[in-house]
Amino acid sequence: RREFDLESRTFVEDGYVLPESKSQIAWR
């Protein structure tokens, strides 16, 4: 899971990132 910026069309540097797993992540 990787955070992506829709305006700049890039993955966010130092953003939310999870390596391969069945982890769960959801926006607050």
PDB file of all heavy atoms in Angstrom:
ATOM      1  N   ARG A   1       0.854  -1.192   0.000  1.00  0.00           N
ATOM      2  CA  ARG A   1       0.000   0.000   0.000  1.00  0.00           C
ATOM      3  C   ARG A   1       0.889   1.240   0.000  1.00  0.00           C
ATOM      4  O   ARG A   1       1.797   1.357   0.819  1.00  0.00           O
ATOM      5  CB  ARG A   1      -0.909   0.020   1.228  1.00  0.00           C
ATOM      6  CG  ARG A   1      -1.755  -1.227   1.391  1.00  0.00           C
ATOM      7  CD  ARG A   1      -2.880  -1.305   0.390  1.00  0.00           C
ATOM      8  NE  ARG A   1      -3.567  -2.598   0.448  1.00  0.00           N
ATOM      9  CZ  ARG A   1      -4.540  -2.973  -0.355  1.00  0.00           C
ATOM     10  NH1 ARG A   1      -4.956  -2.143  -1.299  1.00  0.00           N
ATOM     11  NH2 ARG A   1      -5.108  -4.157  -0.236  1.00  0.00           N
ATOM     12  N   ARG A   2       0.614   2.165  -0.932  1.00  0.00           N
ATOM     13  CA  ARG A   2       1.438   3.364  -1.058  1.00  0.00           C
ATOM     14  C   ARG A   2       0.553   4.585  -1.264  1.00  0.00           C
ATOM     15  O   ARG A   2      -0.414   4.550  -2.037  1.00  0.00           O
ATOM     16  CB  ARG A   2       2.405   3.217  -2.238  1.00  0.00           C
ATOM     17  CG  ARG A   2       3.459   2.160  -1.995  1.00  0.00           C
ATOM     18  CD  ARG A   2       4.079   1.632  -3.274  1.00  0.00           C
ATOM     19  NE  ARG A   2       4.840   2.624  -4.005  1.00  0.00           N
ATOM     20  CZ  ARG A   2       5.550   2.341  -5.101  1.00  0.00           C
ATOM     21  NH1 ARG A   2       5.600   1.093  -5.554  1.00  0.00           N
ATOM     22  NH2 ARG A   2       6.209   3.290  -5.727  1.00  0.00           N
ATOM     23  N   GLU A   3       0.907   5.688  -0.591  1.00  0.00           N
ATOM     24  CA  GLU A   3       0.141   6.924  -0.715  1.00  0.00           C
ATOM     25  C   GLU A   3       0.471   7.617  -2.034  1.00  0.00           C
ATOM     26  O   GLU A   3       1.639   7.752  -2.415  1.00  0.00           O
ATOM     27  CB  GLU A   3       0.440   7.849   0.462  1.00  0.00           C
ATOM     28  CG  GLU A   3      -0.404   9.111   0.467  1.00  0.00           C
ATOM     29  CD  GLU A   3      -0.101  10.011   1.652  1.00  0.00           C
ATOM     30  OE1 GLU A   3       0.795   9.652   2.466  1.00  0.00           O
ATOM     31  OE2 GLU A   3      -0.744  11.078   1.756  1.00  0.00           O
ATOM     32  N   PHE A   4      -0.587   8.051  -2.707  1.00  0.00           N
ATOM     33  CA  PHE A   4      -0.438   8.650  -4.029  1.00  0.00           C
ATOM     34  C   PHE A   4      -1.128  10.014  -4.042  1.00  0.00           C
ATOM     35  O   PHE A   4      -2.237  10.173  -3.533  1.00  0.00           O
ATOM     36  CB  PHE A   4      -1.070   7.737  -5.086  1.00  0.00           C
ATOM     37  CG  PHE A   4      -0.855   8.165  -6.502  1.00  0.00           C
ATOM     38  CD1 PHE A   4       0.321   7.843  -7.166  1.00  0.00           C
ATOM     39  CD2 PHE A   4      -1.825   8.890  -7.183  1.00  0.00           C
ATOM     40  CE1 PHE A   4       0.522   8.225  -8.484  1.00  0.00           C
ATOM     41  CE2 PHE A   4      -1.640   9.281  -8.500  1.00  0.00           C
ATOM     42  CZ  PHE A   4      -0.458   8.949  -9.151  1.00  0.00           C
ATOM     43  N   ASP A   5      -0.455  11.024  -4.620  1.00  0.00           N
ATOM     44  CA  ASP A   5      -0.986  12.377  -4.725  1.00  0.00           C
ATOM     45  C   ASP A   5      -1.661  12.539  -6.089  1.00  0.00           C
ATOM     46  O   ASP A   5      -1.005  12.482  -7.130  1.00  0.00           O
ATOM     47  CB  ASP A   5       0.140  13.397  -4.575  1.00  0.00           C
ATOM     48  CG  ASP A   5      -0.367  14.826  -4.464  1.00  0.00           C
ATOM     49  OD1 ASP A   5      -1.274  15.191  -5.231  1.00  0.00           O
ATOM     50  OD2 ASP A   5       0.143  15.568  -3.604  1.00  0.00           O
ATOM     51  N   LEU A   6      -2.989  12.739  -6.088  1.00  0.00           N
ATOM     52  CA  LEU A   6      -3.718  12.830  -7.350  1.00  0.00           C
ATOM     53  C   LEU A   6      -3.398  14.104  -8.120  1.00  0.00           C
ATOM     54  O   LEU A   6      -3.549  14.145  -9.342  1.00  0.00           O
ATOM     55  CB  LEU A   6      -5.227  12.762  -7.089  1.00  0.00           C
ATOM     56  CG  LEU A   6      -5.852  11.366  -7.041  1.00  0.00           C
ATOM     57  CD1 LEU A   6      -7.344  11.475  -6.775  1.00  0.00           C
ATOM     58  CD2 LEU A   6      -5.605  10.613  -8.334  1.00  0.00           C
ATOM     59  N   GLU A   7      -2.973  15.153  -7.435  1.00  0.00           N
ATOM     60  CA  GLU A   7      -2.681  16.404  -8.130  1.00  0.00           C
ATOM     61  C   GLU A   7      -1.327  16.345  -8.835  1.00  0.00           C
ATOM     62  O   GLU A   7      -1.198  16.720  -9.999  1.00  0.00           O
ATOM     63  CB  GLU A   7      -2.729  17.565  -7.140  1.00  0.00           C
ATOM     64  CG  GLU A   7      -4.121  17.798  -6.554  1.00  0.00           C
ATOM     65  CD  GLU A   7      -4.145  18.914  -5.537  1.00  0.00           C
ATOM     66  OE1 GLU A   7      -3.095  19.584  -5.352  1.00  0.00           O
ATOM     67  OE2 GLU A   7      -5.207  19.122  -4.923  1.00  0.00           O
ATOM     68  N   SER A   8      -0.302  15.855  -8.144  1.00  0.00           N
ATOM     69  CA  SER A   8       1.030  15.798  -8.749  1.00  0.00           C
ATOM     70  C   SER A   8       1.259  14.510  -9.535  1.00  0.00           C
ATOM     71  O   SER A   8       2.248  14.396 -10.255  1.00  0.00           O
ATOM     72  CB  SER A   8       2.102  15.922  -7.662  1.00  0.00           C
ATOM     73  OG  SER A   8       2.084  14.790  -6.798  1.00  0.00           O
ATOM     74  N   ARG A   9       0.349  13.540  -9.381  1.00  0.00           N
ATOM     75  CA  ARG A   9       0.458  12.235 -10.058  1.00  0.00           C
ATOM     76  C   ARG A   9       1.741  11.510  -9.659  1.00  0.00           C
ATOM     77  O   ARG A   9       2.413  10.891 -10.482  1.00  0.00           O
ATOM     78  CB  ARG A   9       0.410  12.394 -11.581  1.00  0.00           C
ATOM     79  CG  ARG A   9      -0.803  13.148 -12.097  1.00  0.00           C
ATOM     80  CD  ARG A   9      -2.077  12.363 -11.854  1.00  0.00           C
ATOM     81  NE  ARG A   9      -3.258  13.113 -12.274  1.00  0.00           N
ATOM     82  CZ  ARG A   9      -3.763  13.099 -13.515  1.00  0.00           C
ATOM     83  NH1 ARG A   9      -3.166  12.398 -14.453  1.00  0.00           N
ATOM     84  NH2 ARG A   9      -4.837  13.791 -13.800  1.00  0.00           N
ATOM     85  N   THR A  10       2.073  11.588  -8.383  1.00  0.00           N
ATOM     86  CA  THR A  10       3.276  10.910  -7.893  1.00  0.00           C
ATOM     87  C   THR A  10       2.974  10.229  -6.562  1.00  0.00           C
ATOM     88  O   THR A  10       2.064  10.635  -5.825  1.00  0.00           O
ATOM     89  CB  THR A  10       4.429  11.916  -7.667  1.00  0.00           C
ATOM     90  OG1 THR A  10       4.003  12.908  -6.727  1.00  0.00           O
ATOM     91  CG2 THR A  10       4.850  12.566  -8.973  1.00  0.00           C
ATOM     92  N   PHE A  11       3.751   9.201  -6.281  1.00  0.00           N
ATOM     93  CA  PHE A  11       3.693   8.606  -4.953  1.00  0.00           C
ATOM     94  C   PHE A  11       4.337   9.585  -3.972  1.00  0.00           C
ATOM     95  O   PHE A  11       5.369  10.197  -4.266  1.00  0.00           O
ATOM     96  CB  PHE A  11       4.407   7.255  -4.930  1.00  0.00           C
ATOM     97  CG  PHE A  11       3.646   6.182  -5.661  1.00  0.00           C
ATOM     98  CD1 PHE A  11       4.037   5.771  -6.933  1.00  0.00           C
ATOM     99  CD2 PHE A  11       2.541   5.583  -5.085  1.00  0.00           C
ATOM    100  CE1 PHE A  11       3.336   4.799  -7.616  1.00  0.00           C
ATOM    101  CE2 PHE A  11       1.829   4.594  -5.759  1.00  0.00           C
ATOM    102  CZ  PHE A  11       2.225   4.208  -7.028  1.00  0.00           C
ATOM    103  N   VAL A  12       3.714   9.716  -2.812  1.00  0.00           N
ATOM    104  CA  VAL A  12       4.121  10.737  -1.850  1.00  0.00           C
ATOM    105  C   VAL A  12       5.424  10.324  -1.167  1.00  0.00           C
ATOM    106  O   VAL A  12       5.508   9.253  -0.551  1.00  0.00           O
ATOM    107  CB  VAL A  12       3.026  10.964  -0.794  1.00  0.00           C
ATOM    108  CG1 VAL A  12       3.475  11.988   0.243  1.00  0.00           C
ATOM    109  CG2 VAL A  12       1.726  11.406  -1.470  1.00  0.00           C
ATOM    110  N   GLU A  13       6.422  11.157  -1.295  1.00  0.00           N
ATOM    111  CA  GLU A  13       7.696  10.901  -0.624  1.00  0.00           C
ATOM    112  C   GLU A  13       7.484  10.980   0.885  1.00  0.00           C
ATOM    113  O   GLU A  13       6.887  11.932   1.392  1.00  0.00           O
ATOM    114  CB  GLU A  13       8.743  11.908  -1.072  1.00  0.00           C
ATOM    115  CG  GLU A  13      10.138  11.619  -0.542  1.00  0.00           C
ATOM    116  CD  GLU A  13      11.172  12.585  -1.089  1.00  0.00           C
ATOM    117  OE1 GLU A  13      10.814  13.417  -1.954  1.00  0.00           O
ATOM    118  OE2 GLU A  13      12.335  12.505  -0.653  1.00  0.00           O
ATOM    119  N   ASP A  14       7.945   9.969   1.597  1.00  0.00           N
ATOM    120  CA  ASP A  14       7.764   9.882   3.048  1.00  0.00           C
ATOM    121  C   ASP A  14       6.286   9.831   3.438  1.00  0.00           C
ATOM    122  O   ASP A  14       5.902  10.209   4.547  1.00  0.00           O
ATOM    123  CB  ASP A  14       8.435  11.060   3.768  1.00  0.00           C
ATOM    124  CG  ASP A  14       9.940  11.087   3.548  1.00  0.00           C
ATOM    125  OD1 ASP A  14      10.527   9.989   3.469  1.00  0.00           O
ATOM    126  OD2 ASP A  14      10.507  12.181   3.429  1.00  0.00           O
ATOM    127  N   GLY A  15       5.453   9.368   2.492  1.00  0.00           N
ATOM    128  CA  GLY A  15       4.027   9.231   2.784  1.00  0.00           C
ATOM    129  C   GLY A  15       3.720   7.900   3.440  1.00  0.00           C
ATOM    130  O   GLY A  15       4.615   7.165   3.873  1.00  0.00           O
ATOM    131  N   TYR A  16       2.454   7.575   3.521  1.00  0.00           N
ATOM    132  CA  TYR A  16       2.043   6.300   4.103  1.00  0.00           C
ATOM    133  C   TYR A  16       2.410   5.159   3.154  1.00  0.00           C
ATOM    134  O   TYR A  16       1.999   5.154   1.984  1.00  0.00           O
ATOM    135  CB  TYR A  16       0.544   6.287   4.367  1.00  0.00           C
ATOM    136  CG  TYR A  16       0.116   7.231   5.466  1.00  0.00           C
ATOM    137  CD1 TYR A  16      -0.638   8.365   5.186  1.00  0.00           C
ATOM    138  CD2 TYR A  16       0.484   6.986   6.787  1.00  0.00           C
ATOM    139  CE1 TYR A  16      -1.025   9.232   6.191  1.00  0.00           C
ATOM    140  CE2 TYR A  16       0.103   7.850   7.804  1.00  0.00           C
ATOM    141  CZ  TYR A  16      -0.648   8.973   7.501  1.00  0.00           C
ATOM    142  OH  TYR A  16      -1.018   9.823   8.506  1.00  0.00           O
ATOM    143  N   VAL A  17       3.197   4.208   3.651  1.00  0.00           N
ATOM    144  CA  VAL A  17       3.619   3.051   2.860  1.00  0.00           C
ATOM    145  C   VAL A  17       3.590   1.817   3.755  1.00  0.00           C
ATOM    146  O   VAL A  17       4.078   1.852   4.887  1.00  0.00           O
ATOM    147  CB  VAL A  17       5.047   3.238   2.292  1.00  0.00           C
ATOM    148  CG1 VAL A  17       5.489   1.974   1.550  1.00  0.00           C
ATOM    149  CG2 VAL A  17       5.108   4.445   1.368  1.00  0.00           C
ATOM    150  N   LEU A  18       3.002   0.736   3.237  1.00  0.00           N
ATOM    151  CA  LEU A  18       3.032  -0.552   3.926  1.00  0.00           C
ATOM    152  C   LEU A  18       3.614  -1.595   2.988  1.00  0.00           C
ATOM    153  O   LEU A  18       3.177  -1.696   1.837  1.00  0.00           O
ATOM    154  CB  LEU A  18       1.624  -0.981   4.350  1.00  0.00           C
ATOM    155  CG  LEU A  18       0.936  -0.148   5.443  1.00  0.00           C
ATOM    156  CD1 LEU A  18      -0.477  -0.669   5.669  1.00  0.00           C
ATOM    157  CD2 LEU A  18       1.739  -0.199   6.731  1.00  0.00           C
ATOM    158  N   PRO A  19       4.590  -2.377   3.429  1.00  0.00           N
ATOM    159  CA  PRO A  19       5.112  -3.461   2.593  1.00  0.00           C
ATOM    160  C   PRO A  19       4.072  -4.555   2.414  1.00  0.00           C
ATOM    161  O   PRO A  19       3.009  -4.537   3.052  1.00  0.00           O
ATOM    162  CB  PRO A  19       6.323  -3.952   3.382  1.00  0.00           C
ATOM    163  CG  PRO A  19       6.075  -3.538   4.785  1.00  0.00           C
ATOM    164  CD  PRO A  19       5.276  -2.279   4.728  1.00  0.00           C
ATOM    165  N   GLU A  20       4.377  -5.513   1.539  1.00  0.00           N
ATOM    166  CA  GLU A  20       3.424  -6.575   1.197  1.00  0.00           C
ATOM    167  C   GLU A  20       2.921  -7.290   2.452  1.00  0.00           C
ATOM    168  O   GLU A  20       3.703  -7.800   3.249  1.00  0.00           O
ATOM    169  CB  GLU A  20       4.064  -7.595   0.257  1.00  0.00           C
ATOM    170  CG  GLU A  20       3.082  -8.658  -0.203  1.00  0.00           C
ATOM    171  CD  GLU A  20       3.730  -9.738  -1.049  1.00  0.00           C
ATOM    172  OE1 GLU A  20       4.931 -10.003  -0.851  1.00  0.00           O
ATOM    173  OE2 GLU A  20       3.035 -10.326  -1.889  1.00  0.00           O
ATOM    174  N   SER A  21       1.616  -7.303   2.611  1.00  0.00           N
ATOM    175  CA  SER A  21       0.993  -7.945   3.766  1.00  0.00           C
ATOM    176  C   SER A  21      -0.514  -7.884   3.586  1.00  0.00           C
ATOM    177  O   SER A  21      -1.029  -7.293   2.634  1.00  0.00           O
ATOM    178  CB  SER A  21       1.382  -7.231   5.069  1.00  0.00           C
ATOM    179  OG  SER A  21       0.831  -5.923   5.092  1.00  0.00           O
ATOM    180  N   LYS A  22      -1.235  -8.487   4.527  1.00  0.00           N
ATOM    181  CA  LYS A  22      -2.689  -8.361   4.575  1.00  0.00           C
ATOM    182  C   LYS A  22      -3.094  -7.310   5.607  1.00  0.00           C
ATOM    183  O   LYS A  22      -4.202  -7.350   6.154  1.00  0.00           O
ATOM    184  CB  LYS A  22      -3.342  -9.705   4.880  1.00  0.00           C
ATOM    185  CG  LYS A  22      -3.196 -10.714   3.756  1.00  0.00           C
ATOM    186  CD  LYS A  22      -3.976 -11.988   4.039  1.00  0.00           C
ATOM    187  CE  LYS A  22      -3.846 -12.983   2.888  1.00  0.00           C
ATOM    188  NZ  LYS A  22      -4.611 -14.223   3.139  1.00  0.00           N
ATOM    189  N   SER A  23      -2.209  -6.354   5.837  1.00  0.00           N
ATOM    190  CA  SER A  23      -2.512  -5.257   6.747  1.00  0.00           C
ATOM    191  C   SER A  23      -3.671  -4.424   6.204  1.00  0.00           C
ATOM    192  O   SER A  23      -3.955  -4.425   5.006  1.00  0.00           O
ATOM    193  CB  SER A  23      -1.282  -4.364   6.937  1.00  0.00           C
ATOM    194  OG  SER A  23      -0.205  -5.081   7.497  1.00  0.00           O
ATOM    195  N   GLN A  24      -4.317  -3.688   7.118  1.00  0.00           N
ATOM    196  CA  GLN A  24      -5.439  -2.831   6.750  1.00  0.00           C
ATOM    197  C   GLN A  24      -5.078  -1.392   7.028  1.00  0.00           C
ATOM    198  O   GLN A  24      -4.466  -1.068   8.052  1.00  0.00           O
ATOM    199  CB  GLN A  24      -6.690  -3.241   7.545  1.00  0.00           C
ATOM    200  CG  GLN A  24      -7.956  -2.539   7.133  1.00  0.00           C
ATOM    201  CD  GLN A  24      -8.345  -1.386   8.053  1.00  0.00           C
ATOM    202  OE1 GLN A  24      -7.745  -1.173   9.099  1.00  0.00           O
ATOM    203  NE2 GLN A  24      -9.342  -0.613   7.654  1.00  0.00           N
ATOM    204  N   ILE A  25      -5.418  -0.506   6.098  1.00  0.00           N
ATOM    205  CA  ILE A  25      -5.161   0.917   6.279  1.00  0.00           C
ATOM    206  C   ILE A  25      -6.331   1.682   5.687  1.00  0.00           C
ATOM    207  O   ILE A  25      -6.830   1.343   4.615  1.00  0.00           O
ATOM    208  CB  ILE A  25      -3.812   1.332   5.633  1.00  0.00           C
ATOM    209  CG1 ILE A  25      -3.503   2.797   5.943  1.00  0.00           C
ATOM    210  CG2 ILE A  25      -3.783   1.036   4.157  1.00  0.00           C
ATOM    211  CD1 ILE A  25      -2.082   3.221   5.540  1.00  0.00           C
ATOM    212  N   ALA A  26      -6.822   2.700   6.423  1.00  0.00           N
ATOM    213  CA  ALA A  26      -7.981   3.467   5.974  1.00  0.00           C
ATOM    214  C   ALA A  26      -7.851   4.909   6.437  1.00  0.00           C
ATOM    215  O   ALA A  26      -7.390   5.184   7.551  1.00  0.00           O
ATOM    216  CB  ALA A  26      -9.269   2.845   6.522  1.00  0.00           C
ATOM    217  N   TRP A  27      -8.293   5.832   5.598  1.00  0.00           N
ATOM    218  CA  TRP A  27      -8.177   7.260   5.898  1.00  0.00           C
ATOM    219  C   TRP A  27      -9.043   7.670   7.085  1.00  0.00           C
ATOM    220  O   TRP A  27     -10.185   7.235   7.214  1.00  0.00           O
ATOM    221  CB  TRP A  27      -8.607   8.096   4.692  1.00  0.00           C
ATOM    222  CG  TRP A  27      -7.667   8.068   3.533  1.00  0.00           C
ATOM    223  CD1 TRP A  27      -7.862   7.438   2.338  1.00  0.00           C
ATOM    224  CD2 TRP A  27      -6.389   8.704   3.446  1.00  0.00           C
ATOM    225  NE1 TRP A  27      -6.790   7.637   1.514  1.00  0.00           N
ATOM    226  CE2 TRP A  27      -5.866   8.416   2.170  1.00  0.00           C
ATOM    227  CE3 TRP A  27      -5.635   9.485   4.323  1.00  0.00           C
ATOM    228  CZ2 TRP A  27      -4.631   8.875   1.742  1.00  0.00           C
ATOM    229  CZ3 TRP A  27      -4.398   9.947   3.898  1.00  0.00           C
ATOM    230  CH2 TRP A  27      -3.902   9.647   2.623  1.00  0.00           C
ATOM    231  N   ARG A  28      -8.482   8.529   7.947  1.00  0.00           N
ATOM    232  CA  ARG A  28      -9.270   9.309   8.900  1.00  0.00           C
ATOM    233  C   ARG A  28      -9.345  10.744   8.386  1.00  0.00           C
ATOM    234  O   ARG A  28     -10.399  11.260   8.105  1.00  0.00           O
ATOM    235  CB  ARG A  28      -8.643   9.276  10.298  1.00  0.00           C
ATOM    236  CG  ARG A  28      -8.677   7.901  10.964  1.00  0.00           C
ATOM    237  CD  ARG A  28      -8.105   7.946  12.375  1.00  0.00           C
ATOM    238  NE  ARG A  28      -9.014   8.582  13.325  1.00  0.00           N
ATOM    239  CZ  ARG A  28      -8.726   9.706  13.998  1.00  0.00           C
ATOM    240  NH1 ARG A  28      -7.560  10.316  13.829  1.00  0.00           N
ATOM    241  NH2 ARG A  28      -9.601  10.221  14.848  1.00  0.00           N
TER     242      ARG A  28
END
